[in-house]
């Protein structure tokens, strides 16, 4: 897998990868990431991939990141209800 491009964005790091003639795009917001993979033939090149990353696509990515954060917070709250015992280190 190799990096073949990126898309500048104010809130996300967006990286485009190519492997075996297939493209994928990864969105990172610091703590979480989302990767979308495209089969061979779905997109012809990096420019075609960049062209589909529009406001609607980014809005969906943002909503998914928000849901990921909520899910993580709920999981952390429920796991904090039980005390965690650290192993004794001598």
PDB file of N, CA and C in Angstrom:
ATOM      1  N   UNK A   1       0.861  -1.161   0.000  1.00  0.00           N
ATOM      2  CA  UNK A   1       0.000   0.000   0.000  1.00  0.00           C
ATOM      3  C   UNK A   1       0.911   1.229   0.000  1.00  0.00           C
ATOM      4  N   UNK A   2       0.561   2.182  -0.837  1.00  0.00           N
ATOM      5  CA  UNK A   2       1.364   3.400  -0.875  1.00  0.00           C
ATOM      6  C   UNK A   2       0.463   4.621  -0.919  1.00  0.00           C
ATOM      7  N   UNK A   3       0.961   5.712  -0.374  1.00  0.00           N
ATOM      8  CA  UNK A   3       0.232   6.971  -0.394  1.00  0.00           C
ATOM      9  C   UNK A   3       0.369   7.582  -1.783  1.00  0.00           C
ATOM     10  N   UNK A   4      -0.781   7.934  -2.372  1.00  0.00           N
ATOM     11  CA  UNK A   4      -0.763   8.528  -3.717  1.00  0.00           C
ATOM     12  C   UNK A   4      -1.349   9.933  -3.732  1.00  0.00           C
ATOM     13  N   UNK A   5      -1.821  10.409  -2.586  1.00  0.00           N
ATOM     14  CA  UNK A   5      -2.357  11.759  -2.552  1.00  0.00           C
ATOM     15  C   UNK A   5      -2.949  12.091  -1.208  1.00  0.00           C
ATOM     16  N   UNK A   6      -3.309  13.346  -1.091  1.00  0.00           N
ATOM     17  CA  UNK A   6      -4.023  13.791   0.098  1.00  0.00           C
ATOM     18  C   UNK A   6      -4.980  14.906  -0.303  1.00  0.00           C
ATOM     19  N   UNK A   7      -5.893  15.187   0.592  1.00  0.00           N
ATOM     20  CA  UNK A   7      -6.877  16.237   0.355  1.00  0.00           C
ATOM     21  C   UNK A   7      -6.794  17.183   1.544  1.00  0.00           C
ATOM     22  N   UNK A   8      -6.430  18.434   1.305  1.00  0.00           N
ATOM     23  CA  UNK A   8      -6.364  19.381   2.418  1.00  0.00           C
ATOM     24  C   UNK A   8      -7.742  19.597   3.036  1.00  0.00           C
ATOM     25  N   UNK A   9      -7.782  19.655   4.367  1.00  0.00           N
ATOM     26  CA  UNK A   9      -9.037  19.883   5.069  1.00  0.00           C
ATOM     27  C   UNK A   9      -8.725  20.516   6.414  1.00  0.00           C
ATOM     28  N   UNK A  10      -9.617  21.376   6.910  1.00  0.00           N
ATOM     29  CA  UNK A  10      -9.396  22.072   8.176  1.00  0.00           C
ATOM     30  C   UNK A  10      -9.469  21.169   9.396  1.00  0.00           C
ATOM     31  N   UNK A  11     -10.308  20.119   9.361  1.00  0.00           N
ATOM     32  CA  UNK A  11     -10.559  19.315  10.557  1.00  0.00           C
ATOM     33  C   UNK A  11     -10.049  17.885  10.460  1.00  0.00           C
ATOM     34  N   UNK A  12      -9.874  17.374   9.266  1.00  0.00           N
ATOM     35  CA  UNK A  12      -9.464  15.989   9.086  1.00  0.00           C
ATOM     36  C   UNK A  12      -8.144  15.908   8.339  1.00  0.00           C
ATOM     37  N   UNK A  13      -7.416  14.848   8.625  1.00  0.00           N
ATOM     38  CA  UNK A  13      -6.301  14.471   7.760  1.00  0.00           C
ATOM     39  C   UNK A  13      -6.884  13.462   6.776  1.00  0.00           C
ATOM     40  N   UNK A  14      -6.794  13.754   5.492  1.00  0.00           N
ATOM     41  CA  UNK A  14      -7.385  12.884   4.468  1.00  0.00           C
ATOM     42  C   UNK A  14      -6.257  12.386   3.574  1.00  0.00           C
ATOM     43  N   UNK A  15      -6.065  11.069   3.567  1.00  0.00           N
ATOM     44  CA  UNK A  15      -4.979  10.452   2.812  1.00  0.00           C
ATOM     45  C   UNK A  15      -5.553   9.443   1.823  1.00  0.00           C
ATOM     46  N   UNK A  16      -5.004   9.444   0.617  1.00  0.00           N
ATOM     47  CA  UNK A  16      -5.439   8.512  -0.422  1.00  0.00           C
ATOM     48  C   UNK A  16      -4.335   7.474  -0.620  1.00  0.00           C
ATOM     49  N   UNK A  17      -4.751   6.207  -0.635  1.00  0.00           N
ATOM     50  CA  UNK A  17      -3.825   5.087  -0.797  1.00  0.00           C
ATOM     51  C   UNK A  17      -4.170   4.309  -2.065  1.00  0.00           C
ATOM     52  N   UNK A  18      -3.146   3.619  -2.589  1.00  0.00           N
ATOM     53  CA  UNK A  18      -3.350   2.730  -3.735  1.00  0.00           C
ATOM     54  C   UNK A  18      -2.662   1.413  -3.430  1.00  0.00           C
ATOM     55  N   UNK A  19      -3.379   0.316  -3.698  1.00  0.00           N
ATOM     56  CA  UNK A  19      -2.801  -1.008  -3.547  1.00  0.00           C
ATOM     57  C   UNK A  19      -3.482  -1.938  -4.544  1.00  0.00           C
ATOM     58  N   UNK A  20      -2.680  -2.594  -5.352  1.00  0.00           N
ATOM     59  CA  UNK A  20      -3.199  -3.541  -6.347  1.00  0.00           C
ATOM     60  C   UNK A  20      -4.271  -2.904  -7.234  1.00  0.00           C
ATOM     61  N   UNK A  21      -4.012  -1.713  -7.696  1.00  0.00           N
ATOM     62  CA  UNK A  21      -4.911  -0.973  -8.596  1.00  0.00           C
ATOM     63  C   UNK A  21      -6.237  -0.605  -7.955  1.00  0.00           C
ATOM     64  N   UNK A  22      -6.298  -0.635  -6.632  1.00  0.00           N
ATOM     65  CA  UNK A  22      -7.491  -0.219  -5.899  1.00  0.00           C
ATOM     66  C   UNK A  22      -7.148   1.005  -5.059  1.00  0.00           C
ATOM     67  N   UNK A  23      -8.099   1.897  -4.939  1.00  0.00           N
ATOM     68  CA  UNK A  23      -7.897   3.110  -4.162  1.00  0.00           C
ATOM     69  C   UNK A  23      -8.663   3.035  -2.850  1.00  0.00           C
ATOM     70  N   UNK A  24      -8.133   3.687  -1.845  1.00  0.00           N
ATOM     71  CA  UNK A  24      -8.849   3.855  -0.591  1.00  0.00           C
ATOM     72  C   UNK A  24      -8.541   5.246  -0.059  1.00  0.00           C
ATOM     73  N   UNK A  25      -9.466   5.760   0.738  1.00  0.00           N
ATOM     74  CA  UNK A  25      -9.283   7.078   1.334  1.00  0.00           C
ATOM     75  C   UNK A  25      -9.504   6.945   2.840  1.00  0.00           C
ATOM     76  N   UNK A  26      -8.573   7.518   3.607  1.00  0.00           N
ATOM     77  CA  UNK A  26      -8.652   7.443   5.065  1.00  0.00           C
ATOM     78  C   UNK A  26      -8.831   8.843   5.623  1.00  0.00           C
ATOM     79  N   UNK A  27      -9.813   8.968   6.514  1.00  0.00           N
ATOM     80  CA  UNK A  27     -10.102  10.217   7.219  1.00  0.00           C
ATOM     81  C   UNK A  27      -9.675  10.024   8.668  1.00  0.00           C
ATOM     82  N   UNK A  28      -8.889  10.961   9.202  1.00  0.00           N
ATOM     83  CA  UNK A  28      -8.462  10.906  10.592  1.00  0.00           C
ATOM     84  C   UNK A  28      -8.839  12.207  11.280  1.00  0.00           C
ATOM     85  N   UNK A  29      -9.351  12.091  12.504  1.00  0.00           N
ATOM     86  CA  UNK A  29      -9.691  13.295  13.264  1.00  0.00           C
ATOM     87  C   UNK A  29      -8.892  13.402  14.548  1.00  0.00           C
ATOM     88  N   UNK A  30      -7.803  12.732  14.636  1.00  0.00           N
ATOM     89  CA  UNK A  30      -6.971  12.741  15.833  1.00  0.00           C
ATOM     90  C   UNK A  30      -7.045  11.428  16.568  1.00  0.00           C
ATOM     91  N   UNK A  31      -8.222  11.108  17.104  1.00  0.00           N
ATOM     92  CA  UNK A  31      -8.381   9.875  17.870  1.00  0.00           C
ATOM     93  C   UNK A  31      -8.952   8.724  17.055  1.00  0.00           C
ATOM     94  N   UNK A  32      -9.769   9.033  16.079  1.00  0.00           N
ATOM     95  CA  UNK A  32     -10.468   8.001  15.322  1.00  0.00           C
ATOM     96  C   UNK A  32     -10.139   8.120  13.840  1.00  0.00           C
ATOM     97  N   UNK A  33     -10.444   7.054  13.125  1.00  0.00           N
ATOM     98  CA  UNK A  33     -10.242   7.094  11.675  1.00  0.00           C
ATOM     99  C   UNK A  33     -11.304   6.256  10.975  1.00  0.00           C
ATOM    100  N   UNK A  34     -11.553   6.638   9.736  1.00  0.00           N
ATOM    101  CA  UNK A  34     -12.471   5.911   8.867  1.00  0.00           C
ATOM    102  C   UNK A  34     -11.750   5.679   7.546  1.00  0.00           C
ATOM    103  N   UNK A  35     -11.901   4.482   6.993  1.00  0.00           N
ATOM    104  CA  UNK A  35     -11.297   4.172   5.700  1.00  0.00           C
ATOM    105  C   UNK A  35     -12.375   3.644   4.769  1.00  0.00           C
ATOM    106  N   UNK A  36     -12.392   4.183   3.564  1.00  0.00           N
ATOM    107  CA  UNK A  36     -13.322   3.753   2.529  1.00  0.00           C
ATOM    108  C   UNK A  36     -12.509   3.187   1.375  1.00  0.00           C
ATOM    109  N   UNK A  37     -12.817   1.946   1.010  1.00  0.00           N
ATOM    110  CA  UNK A  37     -12.079   1.265  -0.050  1.00  0.00           C
ATOM    111  C   UNK A  37     -12.950   1.161  -1.288  1.00  0.00           C
ATOM    112  N   UNK A  38     -12.313   1.292  -2.434  1.00  0.00           N
ATOM    113  CA  UNK A  38     -13.012   1.223  -3.709  1.00  0.00           C
ATOM    114  C   UNK A  38     -12.398   0.104  -4.547  1.00  0.00           C
ATOM    115  N   UNK A  39     -13.272  -0.733  -5.082  1.00  0.00           N
ATOM    116  CA  UNK A  39     -12.805  -1.845  -5.913  1.00  0.00           C
ATOM    117  C   UNK A  39     -12.204  -1.335  -7.205  1.00  0.00           C
ATOM    118  N   UNK A  40     -11.398  -2.173  -7.802  1.00  0.00           N
ATOM    119  CA  UNK A  40     -10.811  -1.856  -9.098  1.00  0.00           C
ATOM    120  C   UNK A  40     -11.932  -1.589 -10.102  1.00  0.00           C
ATOM    121  N   UNK A  41     -11.831  -0.485 -10.800  1.00  0.00           N
ATOM    122  CA  UNK A  41     -12.829  -0.125 -11.795  1.00  0.00           C
ATOM    123  C   UNK A  41     -13.898   0.828 -11.287  1.00  0.00           C
ATOM    124  N   UNK A  42     -14.071   0.957  -9.984  1.00  0.00           N
ATOM    125  CA  UNK A  42     -15.065   1.897  -9.468  1.00  0.00           C
ATOM    126  C   UNK A  42     -14.635   3.339  -9.693  1.00  0.00           C
ATOM    127  N   UNK A  43     -13.345   3.593  -9.530  1.00  0.00           N
ATOM    128  CA  UNK A  43     -12.788   4.923  -9.764  1.00  0.00           C
ATOM    129  C   UNK A  43     -11.556   4.763 -10.644  1.00  0.00           C
ATOM    130  N   UNK A  44     -11.431   5.639 -11.620  1.00  0.00           N
ATOM    131  CA  UNK A  44     -10.339   5.488 -12.579  1.00  0.00           C
ATOM    132  C   UNK A  44      -8.990   5.957 -12.052  1.00  0.00           C
ATOM    133  N   UNK A  45      -8.999   6.991 -11.184  1.00  0.00           N
ATOM    134  CA  UNK A  45      -7.731   7.545 -10.720  1.00  0.00           C
ATOM    135  C   UNK A  45      -7.955   8.386  -9.466  1.00  0.00           C
ATOM    136  N   UNK A  46      -6.864   8.961  -8.988  1.00  0.00           N
ATOM    137  CA  UNK A  46      -6.909   9.760  -7.768  1.00  0.00           C
ATOM    138  C   UNK A  46      -7.815  10.977  -7.948  1.00  0.00           C
ATOM    139  N   UNK A  47      -7.761  11.591  -9.102  1.00  0.00           N
ATOM    140  CA  UNK A  47      -8.606  12.773  -9.347  1.00  0.00           C
ATOM    141  C   UNK A  47     -10.090  12.415  -9.285  1.00  0.00           C
ATOM    142  N   UNK A  48     -10.443  11.240  -9.773  1.00  0.00           N
ATOM    143  CA  UNK A  48     -11.844  10.792  -9.690  1.00  0.00           C
ATOM    144  C   UNK A  48     -12.250  10.595  -8.236  1.00  0.00           C
ATOM    145  N   UNK A  49     -11.347  10.058  -7.424  1.00  0.00           N
ATOM    146  CA  UNK A  49     -11.639   9.886  -6.008  1.00  0.00           C
ATOM    147  C   UNK A  49     -11.796  11.244  -5.328  1.00  0.00           C
ATOM    148  N   UNK A  50     -10.896  12.155  -5.619  1.00  0.00           N
ATOM    149  CA  UNK A  50     -10.990  13.496  -5.030  1.00  0.00           C
ATOM    150  C   UNK A  50     -12.306  14.174  -5.401  1.00  0.00           C
ATOM    151  N   UNK A  51     -12.789  13.922  -6.596  1.00  0.00           N
ATOM    152  CA  UNK A  51     -14.006  14.591  -7.059  1.00  0.00           C
ATOM    153  C   UNK A  51     -15.256  14.135  -6.307  1.00  0.00           C
ATOM    154  N   UNK A  52     -15.235  12.933  -5.721  1.00  0.00           N
ATOM    155  CA  UNK A  52     -16.426  12.474  -4.989  1.00  0.00           C
ATOM    156  C   UNK A  52     -16.419  12.919  -3.530  1.00  0.00           C
ATOM    157  N   UNK A  53     -15.290  13.428  -3.056  1.00  0.00           N
ATOM    158  CA  UNK A  53     -15.205  13.901  -1.669  1.00  0.00           C
ATOM    159  C   UNK A  53     -15.730  15.340  -1.639  1.00  0.00           C
ATOM    160  N   UNK A  54     -17.037  15.457  -1.617  1.00  0.00           N
ATOM    161  CA  UNK A  54     -17.705  16.761  -1.645  1.00  0.00           C
ATOM    162  C   UNK A  54     -18.303  17.075  -0.274  1.00  0.00           C
ATOM    163  N   UNK A  55     -19.084  18.140  -0.193  1.00  0.00           N
ATOM    164  CA  UNK A  55     -19.678  18.555   1.090  1.00  0.00           C
ATOM    165  C   UNK A  55     -20.546  17.463   1.693  1.00  0.00           C
ATOM    166  N   UNK A  56     -21.342  16.783   0.867  1.00  0.00           N
ATOM    167  CA  UNK A  56     -22.224  15.734   1.371  1.00  0.00           C
ATOM    168  C   UNK A  56     -21.424  14.562   1.936  1.00  0.00           C
ATOM    169  N   UNK A  57     -20.369  14.173   1.219  1.00  0.00           N
ATOM    170  CA  UNK A  57     -19.521  13.072   1.675  1.00  0.00           C
ATOM    171  C   UNK A  57     -18.890  13.443   3.013  1.00  0.00           C
ATOM    172  N   UNK A  58     -18.331  14.648   3.088  1.00  0.00           N
ATOM    173  CA  UNK A  58     -17.686  15.100   4.318  1.00  0.00           C
ATOM    174  C   UNK A  58     -18.685  15.250   5.465  1.00  0.00           C
ATOM    175  N   UNK A  59     -19.910  15.627   5.158  1.00  0.00           N
ATOM    176  CA  UNK A  59     -20.944  15.717   6.175  1.00  0.00           C
ATOM    177  C   UNK A  59     -21.234  14.335   6.770  1.00  0.00           C
ATOM    178  N   UNK A  60     -21.305  13.328   5.913  1.00  0.00           N
ATOM    179  CA  UNK A  60     -21.524  11.956   6.389  1.00  0.00           C
ATOM    180  C   UNK A  60     -20.353  11.475   7.235  1.00  0.00           C
ATOM    181  N   UNK A  61     -19.134  11.777   6.796  1.00  0.00           N
ATOM    182  CA  UNK A  61     -17.943  11.398   7.558  1.00  0.00           C
ATOM    183  C   UNK A  61     -17.983  12.056   8.937  1.00  0.00           C
ATOM    184  N   UNK A  62     -18.350  13.321   8.986  1.00  0.00           N
ATOM    185  CA  UNK A  62     -18.448  14.052  10.254  1.00  0.00           C
ATOM    186  C   UNK A  62     -19.473  13.410  11.175  1.00  0.00           C
ATOM    187  N   UNK A  63     -20.631  13.052  10.646  1.00  0.00           N
ATOM    188  CA  UNK A  63     -21.671  12.418  11.459  1.00  0.00           C
ATOM    189  C   UNK A  63     -21.197  11.078  12.014  1.00  0.00           C
ATOM    190  N   UNK A  64     -20.484  10.330  11.208  1.00  0.00           N
ATOM    191  CA  UNK A  64     -19.978   9.033  11.671  1.00  0.00           C
ATOM    192  C   UNK A  64     -18.944   9.236  12.775  1.00  0.00           C
ATOM    193  N   UNK A  65     -18.055  10.232  12.625  1.00  0.00           N
ATOM    194  CA  UNK A  65     -17.097  10.521  13.691  1.00  0.00           C
ATOM    195  C   UNK A  65     -17.824  10.908  14.981  1.00  0.00           C
ATOM    196  N   UNK A  66     -18.868  11.707  14.873  1.00  0.00           N
ATOM    197  CA  UNK A  66     -19.640  12.092  16.056  1.00  0.00           C
ATOM    198  C   UNK A  66     -20.255  10.870  16.723  1.00  0.00           C
ATOM    199  N   UNK A  67     -20.799   9.956  15.923  1.00  0.00           N
ATOM    200  CA  UNK A  67     -21.382   8.733  16.475  1.00  0.00           C
ATOM    201  C   UNK A  67     -20.309   7.852  17.106  1.00  0.00           C
ATOM    202  N   UNK A  68     -19.143   7.784  16.489  1.00  0.00           N
ATOM    203  CA  UNK A  68     -18.041   7.006  17.056  1.00  0.00           C
ATOM    204  C   UNK A  68     -17.652   7.552  18.431  1.00  0.00           C
ATOM    205  N   UNK A  69     -17.596   8.871  18.541  1.00  0.00           N
ATOM    206  CA  UNK A  69     -17.248   9.504  19.816  1.00  0.00           C
ATOM    207  C   UNK A  69     -18.297   9.197  20.875  1.00  0.00           C
ATOM    208  N   UNK A  70     -19.587   9.295  20.500  1.00  0.00           N
ATOM    209  CA  UNK A  70     -20.665   8.979  21.447  1.00  0.00           C
ATOM    210  C   UNK A  70     -20.572   7.527  21.908  1.00  0.00           C
ATOM    211  N   UNK A  71     -20.353   6.624  20.977  1.00  0.00           N
ATOM    212  CA  UNK A  71     -20.249   5.204  21.306  1.00  0.00           C
ATOM    213  C   UNK A  71     -19.096   4.959  22.264  1.00  0.00           C
ATOM    214  N   UNK A  72     -17.960   5.600  21.988  1.00  0.00           N
ATOM    215  CA  UNK A  72     -16.794   5.436  22.843  1.00  0.00           C
ATOM    216  C   UNK A  72     -17.074   5.965  24.246  1.00  0.00           C
ATOM    217  N   UNK A  73     -17.722   7.128  24.336  1.00  0.00           N
ATOM    218  CA  UNK A  73     -18.011   7.725  25.639  1.00  0.00           C
ATOM    219  C   UNK A  73     -18.977   6.859  26.452  1.00  0.00           C
ATOM    220  N   UNK A  74     -20.000   6.321  25.801  1.00  0.00           N
ATOM    221  CA  UNK A  74     -20.947   5.433  26.491  1.00  0.00           C
ATOM    222  C   UNK A  74     -20.218   4.191  26.998  1.00  0.00           C
ATOM    223  N   UNK A  75     -19.351   3.633  26.181  1.00  0.00           N
ATOM    224  CA  UNK A  75     -18.598   2.440  26.590  1.00  0.00           C
ATOM    225  C   UNK A  75     -17.686   2.741  27.766  1.00  0.00           C
ATOM    226  N   UNK A  76     -17.039   3.891  27.729  1.00  0.00           N
ATOM    227  CA  UNK A  76     -16.150   4.257  28.831  1.00  0.00           C
ATOM    228  C   UNK A  76     -16.928   4.489  30.117  1.00  0.00           C
ATOM    229  N   UNK A  77     -18.089   5.124  30.019  1.00  0.00           N
ATOM    230  CA  UNK A  77     -18.903   5.355  31.211  1.00  0.00           C
ATOM    231  C   UNK A  77     -19.357   4.043  31.827  1.00  0.00           C
ATOM    232  N   UNK A  78     -19.801   3.110  30.997  1.00  0.00           N
ATOM    233  CA  UNK A  78     -20.282   1.839  31.527  1.00  0.00           C
ATOM    234  C   UNK A  78     -19.139   1.007  32.092  1.00  0.00           C
ATOM    235  N   UNK A  79     -17.965   1.093  31.522  1.00  0.00           N
ATOM    236  CA  UNK A  79     -16.838   0.311  32.042  1.00  0.00           C
ATOM    237  C   UNK A  79     -16.282   0.927  33.319  1.00  0.00           C
ATOM    238  N   UNK A  80     -16.499   2.232  33.517  1.00  0.00           N
ATOM    239  CA  UNK A  80     -16.015   2.887  34.732  1.00  0.00           C
ATOM    240  C   UNK A  80     -16.878   2.569  35.943  1.00  0.00           C
ATOM    241  N   UNK A  81     -18.027   1.939  35.738  1.00  0.00           N
ATOM    242  CA  UNK A  81     -18.894   1.615  36.866  1.00  0.00           C
ATOM    243  C   UNK A  81     -18.287   0.501  37.720  1.00  0.00           C
ATOM    244  N   UNK A  82     -17.405  -0.279  37.131  1.00  0.00           N
ATOM    245  CA  UNK A  82     -16.731  -1.334  37.883  1.00  0.00           C
ATOM    246  C   UNK A  82     -15.308  -0.876  38.167  1.00  0.00           C
ATOM    247  N   UNK A  83     -14.889  -0.965  39.412  1.00  0.00           N
ATOM    248  CA  UNK A  83     -13.522  -0.514  39.727  1.00  0.00           C
ATOM    249  C   UNK A  83     -12.491  -1.395  39.027  1.00  0.00           C
ATOM    250  N   UNK A  84     -11.437  -0.767  38.602  1.00  0.00           N
ATOM    251  CA  UNK A  84     -10.365  -1.478  37.924  1.00  0.00           C
ATOM    252  C   UNK A  84      -9.205  -1.644  38.898  1.00  0.00           C
ATOM    253  N   UNK A  85      -8.785  -2.860  39.099  1.00  0.00           N
ATOM    254  CA  UNK A  85      -7.672  -3.137  39.991  1.00  0.00           C
ATOM    255  C   UNK A  85      -6.392  -3.295  39.170  1.00  0.00           C
ATOM    256  N   UNK A  86      -5.425  -2.442  39.484  1.00  0.00           N
ATOM    257  CA  UNK A  86      -4.139  -2.564  38.822  1.00  0.00           C
ATOM    258  C   UNK A  86      -3.364  -3.701  39.481  1.00  0.00           C
ATOM    259  N   UNK A  87      -2.582  -4.425  38.711  1.00  0.00           N
ATOM    260  CA  UNK A  87      -1.789  -5.489  39.318  1.00  0.00           C
ATOM    261  C   UNK A  87      -0.728  -4.888  40.254  1.00  0.00           C
ATOM    262  N   UNK A  88      -0.424  -5.620  41.301  1.00  0.00           N
ATOM    263  CA  UNK A  88       0.587  -5.137  42.237  1.00  0.00           C
ATOM    264  C   UNK A  88       1.960  -5.369  41.628  1.00  0.00           C
ATOM    265  N   UNK A  89       2.736  -4.324  41.592  1.00  0.00           N
ATOM    266  CA  UNK A  89       4.086  -4.405  41.038  1.00  0.00           C
ATOM    267  C   UNK A  89       5.073  -4.261  42.189  1.00  0.00           C
ATOM    268  N   UNK A  90       5.971  -5.206  42.296  1.00  0.00           N
ATOM    269  CA  UNK A  90       6.935  -5.174  43.394  1.00  0.00           C
ATOM    270  C   UNK A  90       8.285  -4.722  42.873  1.00  0.00           C
TER     271      UNK A  90
END
